[in-house]
Amino acid sequence: MTQTVILRGDYQRRLAKELIDKAPQNAVVRISEAKRSLEQNDKMWAMLSDISRAKPEGRTHTPEMWKALFMNACGHEVQFLNGIEGGNPFPVGFSSSRLKVSEMRDLIEFISAYGARHNVKWSEAQ
């Protein structure tokens, strides 16, 4: 049986320790930072759409392409492949759903700073 405990306070920490003490031999324990939130994801997509509409530096990318460009700029592995028969390049091998809360926060801050430098009009308060 798999057990998940979110370490929000003392009770959850005690529970996690208790589960470890009761775990069978060769059990695996993984502790990781939480993945990005749905609120962060929604904010990122709104910002990417705002940038796409603004066309900074004359760039006419889709929000998906902007996401790949920003993730690449923030050091996340993104690969661009050429389209078939002369088609436009497209990103592969990236997913913001795998980002941790802190990584998503950094990505959103990077997007915000880029947008501010290029006078992007945000659809929601930053």
Protein backbone atom coordinates (compact mmCIF):
# COMPACT_ATOMS: atom_id res chain seq x y z
CA MET A 1 0.00 0.00 0.00
CA THR A 2 1.28 3.47 -0.91
CA GLN A 3 1.01 6.22 1.68
CA THR A 4 1.26 9.94 0.99
CA VAL A 5 1.69 12.52 3.74
CA ILE A 6 1.93 16.25 3.08
CA LEU A 7 4.18 17.77 5.74
CA ARG A 8 2.06 20.76 6.75
CA GLY A 9 2.73 20.65 10.50
CA ASP A 10 3.84 18.66 13.53
CA TYR A 11 1.03 16.09 13.29
CA GLN A 12 1.94 15.16 9.72
CA ARG A 13 5.63 14.92 10.60
CA ARG A 14 4.85 12.55 13.49
CA LEU A 15 2.62 10.48 11.21
CA ALA A 16 5.35 10.24 8.57
CA LYS A 17 7.88 9.07 11.17
CA GLU A 18 5.39 6.51 12.46
CA LEU A 19 4.79 5.19 8.94
CA ILE A 20 8.55 4.88 8.39
CA ASP A 21 8.92 2.95 11.66
CA LYS A 22 6.15 0.54 10.55
CA ALA A 23 7.35 0.21 6.96
CA PRO A 24 8.39 -3.24 5.74
CA GLN A 25 12.00 -4.09 4.93
CA ASN A 26 13.13 -2.64 1.57
CA ALA A 27 10.30 -0.09 1.48
CA VAL A 28 11.09 3.08 -0.49
CA VAL A 29 10.60 6.56 0.98
CA ARG A 30 10.61 9.64 -1.22
CA ILE A 31 10.48 13.18 0.11
CA SER A 32 10.09 15.92 -2.44
CA GLU A 33 8.90 19.46 -2.75
CA ALA A 34 5.28 19.79 -3.90
CA LYS A 35 4.58 20.12 -7.61
CA ARG A 36 3.38 23.42 -9.01
CA SER A 37 -0.14 24.45 -8.09
CA LEU A 38 -3.10 24.81 -10.43
CA GLU A 39 -3.20 28.51 -9.50
CA GLN A 40 0.43 28.89 -10.61
CA ASN A 41 -0.34 27.02 -13.82
CA ASP A 42 -3.34 29.24 -14.58
CA LYS A 43 -1.27 32.38 -13.92
CA MET A 44 1.53 31.16 -16.18
CA TRP A 45 -0.86 30.46 -19.09
CA ALA A 46 -2.54 33.87 -18.69
CA MET A 47 0.87 35.54 -18.79
CA LEU A 48 2.02 33.51 -21.79
CA SER A 49 -1.17 34.45 -23.64
CA ASP A 50 -0.61 38.13 -22.78
CA ILE A 51 2.94 37.95 -24.15
CA SER A 52 1.79 36.13 -27.26
CA ARG A 53 -0.78 38.88 -27.97
CA ALA A 54 1.79 41.63 -27.29
CA LYS A 55 4.28 40.22 -29.84
CA PRO A 56 7.38 41.68 -28.12
CA GLU A 57 10.35 42.22 -30.43
CA GLY A 58 8.01 41.30 -33.31
CA ARG A 59 7.91 37.66 -32.17
CA THR A 60 4.70 35.93 -33.20
CA HIS A 61 4.86 32.79 -31.08
CA THR A 62 2.00 30.78 -29.66
CA PRO A 63 1.71 30.65 -25.85
CA GLU A 64 3.06 27.06 -26.05
CA MET A 65 6.19 28.21 -27.88
CA TRP A 66 6.67 31.07 -25.40
CA LYS A 67 6.45 28.55 -22.57
CA ALA A 68 9.19 26.44 -24.14
CA LEU A 69 11.37 29.51 -24.71
CA PHE A 70 10.97 30.69 -21.11
CA MET A 71 11.55 27.22 -19.67
CA ASN A 72 14.71 26.93 -21.76
CA ALA A 73 15.85 30.38 -20.60
CA CYS A 74 15.33 29.28 -16.98
CA GLY A 75 17.55 26.24 -17.48
CA HIS A 76 14.92 23.53 -17.99
CA GLU A 77 15.74 21.07 -20.74
CA VAL A 78 13.80 21.84 -23.89
CA GLN A 79 14.60 20.54 -27.33
CA PHE A 80 13.39 22.13 -30.55
CA LEU A 81 12.87 19.94 -33.60
CA ASN A 82 12.39 21.13 -37.17
CA GLY A 83 8.93 20.62 -38.58
CA ILE A 84 8.26 18.19 -41.41
CA GLU A 85 8.84 19.45 -44.96
CA GLY A 86 10.09 22.87 -43.93
CA GLY A 87 7.54 23.36 -41.15
CA ASN A 88 8.28 25.59 -38.20
CA PRO A 89 10.41 24.27 -35.35
CA PHE A 90 8.47 22.98 -32.35
CA PRO A 91 9.41 22.19 -28.74
CA VAL A 92 9.55 18.67 -27.30
CA GLY A 93 10.61 17.09 -24.02
CA PHE A 94 9.29 19.64 -21.56
CA SER A 95 6.37 19.85 -19.19
CA SER A 96 5.60 22.48 -16.59
CA SER A 97 3.51 19.92 -14.69
CA ARG A 98 6.76 18.39 -13.46
CA LEU A 99 8.00 21.68 -12.00
CA LYS A 100 8.15 22.12 -8.25
CA VAL A 101 6.40 25.07 -6.60
CA SER A 102 9.67 27.01 -6.31
CA GLU A 103 10.66 26.28 -9.92
CA MET A 104 7.27 27.46 -11.16
CA ARG A 105 7.56 30.59 -9.00
CA ASP A 106 10.96 31.33 -10.60
CA LEU A 107 9.53 30.74 -14.09
CA ILE A 108 6.60 33.11 -13.41
CA GLU A 109 9.01 35.76 -12.05
CA PHE A 110 11.18 35.41 -15.18
CA ILE A 111 8.12 35.76 -17.46
CA SER A 112 6.97 38.79 -15.45
CA ALA A 113 10.36 40.50 -15.71
CA TYR A 114 10.52 39.85 -19.47
CA GLY A 115 7.01 41.22 -19.90
CA ALA A 116 7.81 44.31 -17.83
CA ARG A 117 10.90 45.03 -19.97
CA HIS A 118 8.72 44.79 -23.10
CA ASN A 119 5.70 46.73 -21.78
CA VAL A 120 3.34 43.75 -21.92
CA LYS A 121 -0.16 44.65 -20.76
CA TRP A 122 -1.14 41.98 -18.24
CA SER A 123 -4.70 40.69 -18.18
CA GLU A 124 -4.44 40.24 -14.40
CA ALA A 125 -2.54 42.08 -11.68
CA GLN A 126 1.08 41.03 -11.27
